[in-house]
PDB file of all heavy atoms in Angstrom:
ATOM      1  N   TYR A   1      -3.843   8.517  15.370  1.00  0.00           N
ATOM      2  CA  TYR A   1      -3.048   9.319  14.418  1.00  0.00           C
ATOM      3  C   TYR A   1      -2.287   8.534  13.432  1.00  0.00           C
ATOM      4  O   TYR A   1      -1.415   8.975  12.633  1.00  0.00           O
ATOM      5  CB  TYR A   1      -2.160  10.311  15.182  1.00  0.00           C
ATOM      6  CG  TYR A   1      -2.803  11.216  16.051  1.00  0.00           C
ATOM      7  CD1 TYR A   1      -2.898  11.118  17.505  1.00  0.00           C
ATOM      8  CD2 TYR A   1      -3.551  12.300  15.467  1.00  0.00           C
ATOM      9  CE1 TYR A   1      -3.485  12.067  18.239  1.00  0.00           C
ATOM     10  CE2 TYR A   1      -4.283  13.251  16.281  1.00  0.00           C
ATOM     11  CZ  TYR A   1      -4.241  13.063  17.700  1.00  0.00           C
ATOM     12  OH  TYR A   1      -5.015  13.998  18.497  1.00  0.00           O
ATOM     13  N   ALA A   2      -2.384   7.166  13.514  1.00  0.00           N
ATOM     14  CA  ALA A   2      -1.675   6.260  12.630  1.00  0.00           C
ATOM     15  C   ALA A   2      -2.063   6.474  11.154  1.00  0.00           C
ATOM     16  O   ALA A   2      -3.277   6.661  10.881  1.00  0.00           O
ATOM     17  CB  ALA A   2      -1.913   4.833  12.950  1.00  0.00           C
ATOM     18  N   THR A   3      -1.143   6.441  10.318  1.00  0.00           N
ATOM     19  CA  THR A   3      -1.448   6.526   8.875  1.00  0.00           C
ATOM     20  C   THR A   3      -1.166   5.115   8.164  1.00  0.00           C
ATOM     21  O   THR A   3      -0.224   4.451   8.642  1.00  0.00           O
ATOM     22  CB  THR A   3      -0.518   7.537   8.215  1.00  0.00           C
ATOM     23  OG1 THR A   3       0.874   7.371   8.473  1.00  0.00           O
ATOM     24  CG2 THR A   3      -0.988   8.979   8.752  1.00  0.00           C
ATOM     25  N   TRP A   4      -1.804   4.878   7.009  1.00  0.00           N
ATOM     26  CA  TRP A   4      -1.628   3.679   6.251  1.00  0.00           C
ATOM     27  C   TRP A   4      -1.269   4.073   4.871  1.00  0.00           C
ATOM     28  O   TRP A   4      -1.700   5.145   4.324  1.00  0.00           O
ATOM     29  CB  TRP A   4      -3.023   2.930   6.278  1.00  0.00           C
ATOM     30  CG  TRP A   4      -3.368   2.433   7.626  1.00  0.00           C
ATOM     31  CD1 TRP A   4      -3.999   3.060   8.618  1.00  0.00           C
ATOM     32  CD2 TRP A   4      -3.249   1.105   8.155  1.00  0.00           C
ATOM     33  NE1 TRP A   4      -4.199   2.293   9.704  1.00  0.00           N
ATOM     34  CE2 TRP A   4      -3.816   1.024   9.487  1.00  0.00           C
ATOM     35  CE3 TRP A   4      -2.702  -0.116   7.569  1.00  0.00           C
ATOM     36  CZ2 TRP A   4      -3.721  -0.086  10.262  1.00  0.00           C
ATOM     37  CZ3 TRP A   4      -2.647  -1.210   8.405  1.00  0.00           C
ATOM     38  CH2 TRP A   4      -3.197  -1.238   9.678  1.00  0.00           C
ATOM     39  N   ARG A   5      -0.589   3.208   4.220  1.00  0.00           N
ATOM     40  CA  ARG A   5      -0.223   3.319   2.880  1.00  0.00           C
ATOM     41  C   ARG A   5       0.073   2.024   2.144  1.00  0.00           C
ATOM     42  O   ARG A   5       0.186   1.007   2.861  1.00  0.00           O
ATOM     43  CB  ARG A   5       1.116   4.256   2.670  1.00  0.00           C
ATOM     44  CG  ARG A   5       2.306   3.588   3.406  1.00  0.00           C
ATOM     45  CD  ARG A   5       3.485   4.518   3.417  1.00  0.00           C
ATOM     46  NE  ARG A   5       4.580   4.055   4.257  1.00  0.00           N
ATOM     47  CZ  ARG A   5       5.457   3.150   3.961  1.00  0.00           C
ATOM     48  NH1 ARG A   5       5.446   2.586   2.653  1.00  0.00           N
ATOM     49  NH2 ARG A   5       6.407   2.754   4.721  1.00  0.00           N
ATOM     50  N   GLN A   6       0.064   2.055   0.908  1.00  0.00           N
ATOM     51  CA  GLN A   6       0.393   0.801   0.183  1.00  0.00           C
ATOM     52  C   GLN A   6       1.811   0.634  -0.163  1.00  0.00           C
ATOM     53  O   GLN A   6       2.449   1.640  -0.545  1.00  0.00           O
ATOM     54  CB  GLN A   6      -0.480   0.643  -1.160  1.00  0.00           C
ATOM     55  CG  GLN A   6      -1.949   0.276  -0.832  1.00  0.00           C
ATOM     56  CD  GLN A   6      -2.691  -0.086  -2.147  1.00  0.00           C
ATOM     57  OE1 GLN A   6      -2.765   0.755  -3.054  1.00  0.00           O
ATOM     58  NE2 GLN A   6      -3.200  -1.277  -2.149  1.00  0.00           N
ATOM     59  N   GLU A   7       2.355  -0.497   0.035  1.00  0.00           N
ATOM     60  CA  GLU A   7       3.771  -0.772  -0.282  1.00  0.00           C
ATOM     61  C   GLU A   7       3.878  -2.166  -0.790  1.00  0.00           C
ATOM     62  O   GLU A   7       3.475  -3.186  -0.157  1.00  0.00           O
ATOM     63  CB  GLU A   7       4.642  -0.615   1.054  1.00  0.00           C
ATOM     64  CG  GLU A   7       6.097  -0.837   0.775  1.00  0.00           C
ATOM     65  CD  GLU A   7       6.915  -0.569   2.049  1.00  0.00           C
ATOM     66  OE1 GLU A   7       7.025   0.619   2.511  1.00  0.00           O
ATOM     67  OE2 GLU A   7       7.474  -1.573   2.551  1.00  0.00           O
ATOM     68  N   ASP A   8       4.395  -2.242  -2.010  1.00  0.00           N
ATOM     69  CA  ASP A   8       4.538  -3.622  -2.695  1.00  0.00           C
ATOM     70  C   ASP A   8       3.166  -4.425  -2.741  1.00  0.00           C
ATOM     71  O   ASP A   8       3.113  -5.578  -2.556  1.00  0.00           O
ATOM     72  CB  ASP A   8       5.626  -4.501  -1.976  1.00  0.00           C
ATOM     73  CG  ASP A   8       6.979  -3.924  -2.047  1.00  0.00           C
ATOM     74  OD1 ASP A   8       7.270  -3.193  -3.028  1.00  0.00           O
ATOM     75  OD2 ASP A   8       7.803  -4.149  -1.054  1.00  0.00           O
ATOM     76  N   GLY A   9       2.163  -3.626  -2.984  1.00  0.00           N
ATOM     77  CA  GLY A   9       0.843  -4.146  -3.171  1.00  0.00           C
ATOM     78  C   GLY A   9       0.067  -4.639  -1.948  1.00  0.00           C
ATOM     79  O   GLY A   9      -1.014  -5.231  -2.017  1.00  0.00           O
ATOM     80  N   ILE A  10       0.511  -4.266  -0.754  1.00  0.00           N
ATOM     81  CA  ILE A  10      -0.133  -4.483   0.441  1.00  0.00           C
ATOM     82  C   ILE A  10      -0.349  -3.186   1.294  1.00  0.00           C
ATOM     83  O   ILE A  10       0.590  -2.263   1.162  1.00  0.00           O
ATOM     84  CB  ILE A  10       0.465  -5.610   1.314  1.00  0.00           C
ATOM     85  CG1 ILE A  10       1.860  -5.215   1.836  1.00  0.00           C
ATOM     86  CG2 ILE A  10       0.396  -6.969   0.563  1.00  0.00           C
ATOM     87  CD1 ILE A  10       2.358  -6.177   2.746  1.00  0.00           C
ATOM     88  N   TRP A  11      -1.234  -3.189   2.223  1.00  0.00           N
ATOM     89  CA  TRP A  11      -1.376  -2.072   3.142  1.00  0.00           C
ATOM     90  C   TRP A  11      -0.474  -2.253   4.368  1.00  0.00           C
ATOM     91  O   TRP A  11      -0.527  -3.336   4.944  1.00  0.00           O
ATOM     92  CB  TRP A  11      -2.807  -1.863   3.494  1.00  0.00           C
ATOM     93  CG  TRP A  11      -3.714  -1.278   2.428  1.00  0.00           C
ATOM     94  CD1 TRP A  11      -4.478  -1.983   1.483  1.00  0.00           C
ATOM     95  CD2 TRP A  11      -3.896   0.065   2.186  1.00  0.00           C
ATOM     96  NE1 TRP A  11      -5.092  -1.087   0.745  1.00  0.00           N
ATOM     97  CE2 TRP A  11      -4.855   0.212   1.115  1.00  0.00           C
ATOM     98  CE3 TRP A  11      -3.466   1.246   2.847  1.00  0.00           C
ATOM     99  CZ2 TRP A  11      -5.207   1.415   0.552  1.00  0.00           C
ATOM    100  CZ3 TRP A  11      -3.833   2.494   2.323  1.00  0.00           C
ATOM    101  CH2 TRP A  11      -4.731   2.594   1.154  1.00  0.00           C
ATOM    102  N   VAL A  12       0.267  -1.164   4.703  1.00  0.00           N
ATOM    103  CA  VAL A  12       1.079  -1.173   5.827  1.00  0.00           C
ATOM    104  C   VAL A  12       0.785  -0.005   6.643  1.00  0.00           C
ATOM    105  O   VAL A  12       0.362   1.067   6.137  1.00  0.00           O
ATOM    106  CB  VAL A  12       2.612  -1.308   5.501  1.00  0.00           C
ATOM    107  CG1 VAL A  12       2.937  -2.608   4.734  1.00  0.00           C
ATOM    108  CG2 VAL A  12       3.018  -0.105   4.623  1.00  0.00           C
ATOM    109  N   CYS A  13       1.245  -0.009   7.876  1.00  0.00           N
ATOM    110  CA  CYS A  13       0.927   1.076   8.844  1.00  0.00           C
ATOM    111  C   CYS A  13       2.233   1.762   9.287  1.00  0.00           C
ATOM    112  O   CYS A  13       3.248   1.069   9.576  1.00  0.00           O
ATOM    113  CB  CYS A  13       0.155   0.587  10.040  1.00  0.00           C
ATOM    114  SG  CYS A  13      -0.300   1.889  11.223  1.00  0.00           S
ATOM    115  N   ASP A  14       2.212   3.095   9.335  1.00  0.00           N
ATOM    116  CA  ASP A  14       3.316   3.841   9.830  1.00  0.00           C
ATOM    117  C   ASP A  14       3.328   4.134  11.285  1.00  0.00           C
ATOM    118  O   ASP A  14       4.205   4.907  11.784  1.00  0.00           O
ATOM    119  CB  ASP A  14       3.585   5.167   8.967  1.00  0.00           C
ATOM    120  CG  ASP A  14       3.963   4.915   7.588  1.00  0.00           C
ATOM    121  OD1 ASP A  14       4.695   3.920   7.297  1.00  0.00           O
ATOM    122  OD2 ASP A  14       3.453   5.539   6.660  1.00  0.00           O
ATOM    123  N   GLY A  15       2.375   3.557  11.998  1.00  0.00           N
ATOM    124  CA  GLY A  15       2.280   3.757  13.377  1.00  0.00           C
ATOM    125  C   GLY A  15       3.492   3.246  14.111  1.00  0.00           C
ATOM    126  O   GLY A  15       4.005   2.089  13.734  1.00  0.00           O
ATOM    127  N   ILE A  16       4.045   3.955  15.102  1.00  0.00           N
ATOM    128  CA  ILE A  16       5.361   3.460  15.642  1.00  0.00           C
ATOM    129  C   ILE A  16       5.252   2.231  16.555  1.00  0.00           C
ATOM    130  O   ILE A  16       6.265   1.676  16.899  1.00  0.00           O
ATOM    131  CB  ILE A  16       5.994   4.655  16.563  1.00  0.00           C
ATOM    132  CG1 ILE A  16       4.979   5.054  17.688  1.00  0.00           C
ATOM    133  CG2 ILE A  16       6.282   5.879  15.654  1.00  0.00           C
ATOM    134  CD1 ILE A  16       5.548   6.026  18.655  1.00  0.00           C
ATOM    135  N   ASP A  17       3.995   1.771  16.810  1.00  0.00           N
ATOM    136  CA  ASP A  17       3.830   0.621  17.677  1.00  0.00           C
ATOM    137  C   ASP A  17       2.974  -0.472  16.913  1.00  0.00           C
ATOM    138  O   ASP A  17       2.582  -1.420  17.554  1.00  0.00           O
ATOM    139  CB  ASP A  17       3.071   0.974  18.995  1.00  0.00           C
ATOM    140  CG  ASP A  17       3.855   1.943  19.897  1.00  0.00           C
ATOM    141  OD1 ASP A  17       5.114   1.686  20.104  1.00  0.00           O
ATOM    142  OD2 ASP A  17       3.317   2.922  20.270  1.00  0.00           O
ATOM    143  N   SER A  18       2.880  -0.297  15.634  1.00  0.00           N
ATOM    144  CA  SER A  18       1.920  -1.232  14.814  1.00  0.00           C
ATOM    145  C   SER A  18       2.745  -2.437  14.443  1.00  0.00           C
ATOM    146  O   SER A  18       3.791  -2.436  13.846  1.00  0.00           O
ATOM    147  CB  SER A  18       1.383  -0.476  13.662  1.00  0.00           C
ATOM    148  OG  SER A  18       0.571  -1.351  12.868  1.00  0.00           O
ATOM    149  N   SER A  19       2.013  -3.608  14.690  1.00  0.00           N
ATOM    150  CA  SER A  19       2.497  -4.840  14.182  1.00  0.00           C
ATOM    151  C   SER A  19       2.532  -4.904  12.671  1.00  0.00           C
ATOM    152  O   SER A  19       3.200  -5.816  12.043  1.00  0.00           O
ATOM    153  CB  SER A  19       1.717  -5.968  14.736  1.00  0.00           C
ATOM    154  OG  SER A  19       0.336  -5.877  14.298  1.00  0.00           O
ATOM    155  N   ARG A  20       1.839  -4.013  12.065  1.00  0.00           N
ATOM    156  CA  ARG A  20       1.729  -3.972  10.533  1.00  0.00           C
ATOM    157  C   ARG A  20       2.622  -2.925   9.999  1.00  0.00           C
ATOM    158  O   ARG A  20       2.507  -2.528   8.822  1.00  0.00           O
ATOM    159  CB  ARG A  20       0.282  -3.903  10.100  1.00  0.00           C
ATOM    160  CG  ARG A  20      -0.589  -5.026  10.627  1.00  0.00           C
ATOM    161  CD  ARG A  20      -1.968  -4.929  10.191  1.00  0.00           C
ATOM    162  NE  ARG A  20      -2.099  -5.049   8.701  1.00  0.00           N
ATOM    163  CZ  ARG A  20      -3.155  -4.897   8.096  1.00  0.00           C
ATOM    164  NH1 ARG A  20      -4.298  -4.632   8.756  1.00  0.00           N
ATOM    165  NH2 ARG A  20      -3.286  -4.919   6.728  1.00  0.00           N
ATOM    166  N   SER A  21       3.571  -2.573  10.753  1.00  0.00           N
ATOM    167  CA  SER A  21       4.599  -1.601  10.247  1.00  0.00           C
ATOM    168  C   SER A  21       5.644  -2.446   9.352  1.00  0.00           C
ATOM    169  O   SER A  21       5.918  -3.560   9.628  1.00  0.00           O
ATOM    170  CB  SER A  21       5.447  -1.023  11.397  1.00  0.00           C
ATOM    171  OG  SER A  21       6.624  -0.357  10.953  1.00  0.00           O
ATOM    172  N   PRO A  22       6.107  -1.864   8.234  1.00  0.00           N
ATOM    173  CA  PRO A  22       7.090  -2.516   7.389  1.00  0.00           C
ATOM    174  C   PRO A  22       8.437  -2.571   8.011  1.00  0.00           C
ATOM    175  O   PRO A  22       9.335  -3.283   7.519  1.00  0.00           O
ATOM    176  CB  PRO A  22       7.031  -1.664   6.113  1.00  0.00           C
ATOM    177  CG  PRO A  22       6.649  -0.346   6.557  1.00  0.00           C
ATOM    178  CD  PRO A  22       5.637  -0.569   7.702  1.00  0.00           C
ATOM    179  N   ASP A  23       8.618  -1.903   9.053  1.00  0.00           N
ATOM    180  CA  ASP A  23       9.982  -1.905   9.777  1.00  0.00           C
ATOM    181  C   ASP A  23      10.080  -3.188  10.561  1.00  0.00           C
ATOM    182  O   ASP A  23       9.365  -3.422  11.440  1.00  0.00           O
ATOM    183  CB  ASP A  23      10.047  -0.679  10.727  1.00  0.00           C
ATOM    184  CG  ASP A  23      11.402  -0.586  11.371  1.00  0.00           C
ATOM    185  OD1 ASP A  23      12.116  -1.539  11.441  1.00  0.00           O
ATOM    186  OD2 ASP A  23      11.717   0.537  11.870  1.00  0.00           O
ATOM    187  N   PRO A  24      11.036  -4.070  10.190  1.00  0.00           N
ATOM    188  CA  PRO A  24      11.053  -5.337  10.868  1.00  0.00           C
ATOM    189  C   PRO A  24      11.398  -5.340  12.318  1.00  0.00           C
ATOM    190  O   PRO A  24      11.246  -6.261  13.074  1.00  0.00           O
ATOM    191  CB  PRO A  24      12.229  -6.075  10.062  1.00  0.00           C
ATOM    192  CG  PRO A  24      13.079  -4.995   9.488  1.00  0.00           C
ATOM    193  CD  PRO A  24      12.029  -3.903   9.170  1.00  0.00           C
ATOM    194  N   ARG A  25      11.962  -4.158  12.762  1.00  0.00           N
ATOM    195  CA  ARG A  25      12.141  -4.068  14.237  1.00  0.00           C
ATOM    196  C   ARG A  25      10.955  -3.780  15.016  1.00  0.00           C
ATOM    197  O   ARG A  25      10.962  -3.943  16.246  1.00  0.00           O
ATOM    198  CB  ARG A  25      13.226  -2.794  14.415  1.00  0.00           C
ATOM    199  CG  ARG A  25      14.559  -3.037  13.818  1.00  0.00           C
ATOM    200  CD  ARG A  25      15.344  -1.788  13.799  1.00  0.00           C
ATOM    201  NE  ARG A  25      14.685  -0.706  13.050  1.00  0.00           N
ATOM    202  CZ  ARG A  25      15.165   0.491  13.002  1.00  0.00           C
ATOM    203  NH1 ARG A  25      16.271   0.900  13.570  1.00  0.00           N
ATOM    204  NH2 ARG A  25      14.519   1.381  12.144  1.00  0.00           N
ATOM    205  N   ILE A  26       9.876  -3.406  14.371  1.00  0.00           N
ATOM    206  CA  ILE A  26       8.687  -3.087  15.018  1.00  0.00           C
ATOM    207  C   ILE A  26       7.554  -4.083  14.638  1.00  0.00           C
ATOM    208  O   ILE A  26       6.837  -4.648  15.499  1.00  0.00           O
ATOM    209  CB  ILE A  26       8.184  -1.668  14.695  1.00  0.00           C
ATOM    210  CG1 ILE A  26       9.219  -0.637  15.064  1.00  0.00           C
ATOM    211  CG2 ILE A  26       6.779  -1.404  15.236  1.00  0.00           C
ATOM    212  CD1 ILE A  26       8.892   0.689  14.549  1.00  0.00           C
ATOM    213  N   GLY A  27       7.300  -4.378  13.295  1.00  0.00           N
ATOM    214  CA  GLY A  27       6.226  -5.101  12.843  1.00  0.00           C
ATOM    215  C   GLY A  27       6.422  -6.527  12.693  1.00  0.00           C
ATOM    216  O   GLY A  27       7.472  -7.071  13.072  1.00  0.00           O
ATOM    217  N   LEU A  28       5.558  -7.268  12.036  1.00  0.00           N
ATOM    218  CA  LEU A  28       5.601  -8.613  11.670  1.00  0.00           C
ATOM    219  C   LEU A  28       6.695  -8.881  10.702  1.00  0.00           C
ATOM    220  O   LEU A  28       7.139  -7.885  10.050  1.00  0.00           O
ATOM    221  CB  LEU A  28       4.292  -9.151  11.040  1.00  0.00           C
ATOM    222  CG  LEU A  28       3.027  -9.023  11.993  1.00  0.00           C
ATOM    223  CD1 LEU A  28       1.784  -9.210  11.182  1.00  0.00           C
ATOM    224  CD2 LEU A  28       3.079 -10.083  13.142  1.00  0.00           C
ATOM    225  N   LEU A  29       7.180 -10.099  10.597  1.00  0.00           N
ATOM    226  CA  LEU A  29       8.056 -10.470   9.519  1.00  0.00           C
ATOM    227  C   LEU A  29       7.427 -10.139   8.230  1.00  0.00           C
ATOM    228  O   LEU A  29       6.236 -10.143   7.993  1.00  0.00           O
ATOM    229  CB  LEU A  29       8.492 -11.916   9.606  1.00  0.00           C
ATOM    230  CG  LEU A  29       9.202 -12.375  10.965  1.00  0.00           C
ATOM    231  CD1 LEU A  29       9.327 -13.807  10.930  1.00  0.00           C
ATOM    232  CD2 LEU A  29      10.440 -11.590  11.072  1.00  0.00           C
ATOM    233  N   ALA A  30       8.207  -9.912   7.137  1.00  0.00           N
ATOM    234  CA  ALA A  30       7.668  -9.496   5.868  1.00  0.00           C
ATOM    235  C   ALA A  30       6.673 -10.443   5.316  1.00  0.00           C
ATOM    236  O   ALA A  30       5.609 -10.111   4.731  1.00  0.00           O
ATOM    237  CB  ALA A  30       8.847  -9.269   4.842  1.00  0.00           C
ATOM    238  N   SER A  31       6.936 -11.743   5.509  1.00  0.00           N
ATOM    239  CA  SER A  31       6.063 -12.830   5.033  1.00  0.00           C
ATOM    240  C   SER A  31       4.696 -12.749   5.700  1.00  0.00           C
ATOM    241  O   SER A  31       3.601 -12.932   5.100  1.00  0.00           O
ATOM    242  CB  SER A  31       6.665 -14.231   5.133  1.00  0.00           C
ATOM    243  OG  SER A  31       7.005 -14.459   6.434  1.00  0.00           O
ATOM    244  N   ASP A  32       4.715 -12.661   7.067  1.00  0.00           N
ATOM    245  CA  ASP A  32       3.549 -12.524   7.847  1.00  0.00           C
ATOM    246  C   ASP A  32       2.799 -11.193   7.575  1.00  0.00           C
ATOM    247  O   ASP A  32       1.500 -11.189   7.562  1.00  0.00           O
ATOM    248  CB  ASP A  32       3.883 -12.621   9.386  1.00  0.00           C
ATOM    249  CG  ASP A  32       4.271 -13.954   9.683  1.00  0.00           C
ATOM    250  OD1 ASP A  32       4.003 -14.847   8.964  1.00  0.00           O
ATOM    251  OD2 ASP A  32       4.959 -14.089  10.808  1.00  0.00           O
ATOM    252  N   LEU A  33       3.481 -10.133   7.331  1.00  0.00           N
ATOM    253  CA  LEU A  33       2.829  -8.797   7.007  1.00  0.00           C
ATOM    254  C   LEU A  33       2.043  -9.010   5.707  1.00  0.00           C
ATOM    255  O   LEU A  33       0.945  -8.551   5.689  1.00  0.00           O
ATOM    256  CB  LEU A  33       3.933  -7.829   6.774  1.00  0.00           C
ATOM    257  CG  LEU A  33       3.570  -6.363   6.865  1.00  0.00           C
ATOM    258  CD1 LEU A  33       3.088  -6.019   8.271  1.00  0.00           C
ATOM    259  CD2 LEU A  33       4.765  -5.497   6.453  1.00  0.00           C
ATOM    260  N   ARG A  34       2.524  -9.738   4.731  1.00  0.00           N
ATOM    261  CA  ARG A  34       1.804  -9.990   3.525  1.00  0.00           C
ATOM    262  C   ARG A  34       0.548 -10.890   3.728  1.00  0.00           C
ATOM    263  O   ARG A  34      -0.434 -10.623   3.219  1.00  0.00           O
ATOM    264  CB  ARG A  34       2.703 -10.451   2.453  1.00  0.00           C
ATOM    265  CG  ARG A  34       2.004 -10.673   1.095  1.00  0.00           C
ATOM    266  CD  ARG A  34       3.018 -10.990  -0.012  1.00  0.00           C
ATOM    267  NE  ARG A  34       3.871  -9.774  -0.273  1.00  0.00           N
ATOM    268  CZ  ARG A  34       3.449  -8.670  -0.947  1.00  0.00           C
ATOM    269  NH1 ARG A  34       2.282  -8.670  -1.568  1.00  0.00           N
ATOM    270  NH2 ARG A  34       4.245  -7.626  -1.113  1.00  0.00           N
ATOM    271  N   ARG A  35       0.838 -11.974   4.555  1.00  0.00           N
ATOM    272  CA  ARG A  35      -0.329 -12.845   4.859  1.00  0.00           C
ATOM    273  C   ARG A  35      -1.416 -12.133   5.477  1.00  0.00           C
ATOM    274  O   ARG A  35      -2.584 -12.340   5.113  1.00  0.00           O
ATOM    275  CB  ARG A  35       0.211 -13.947   5.723  1.00  0.00           C
ATOM    276  CG  ARG A  35       0.867 -15.060   4.933  1.00  0.00           C
ATOM    277  CD  ARG A  35       0.913 -16.354   5.765  1.00  0.00           C
ATOM    278  NE  ARG A  35       1.501 -16.228   7.124  1.00  0.00           N
ATOM    279  CZ  ARG A  35       1.228 -17.040   8.145  1.00  0.00           C
ATOM    280  NH1 ARG A  35       0.310 -18.030   7.966  1.00  0.00           N
ATOM    281  NH2 ARG A  35       1.753 -16.859   9.307  1.00  0.00           N
ATOM    282  N   ALA A  36      -1.050 -11.368   6.496  1.00  0.00           N
ATOM    283  CA  ALA A  36      -2.138 -10.598   7.300  1.00  0.00           C
ATOM    284  C   ALA A  36      -2.848  -9.649   6.345  1.00  0.00           C
ATOM    285  O   ALA A  36      -4.117  -9.581   6.340  1.00  0.00           O
ATOM    286  CB  ALA A  36      -1.492  -9.834   8.382  1.00  0.00           C
TER     287      ALA A  36
END
């Protein structure tokens, strides 16, 4: 049921357990999120 969207030119996930969430408390650091 996870959803994806573009934010600042990259794809991020709104899943509550996703490492690719833009929420720094859940996902990768912003720099790693962009690298991935």
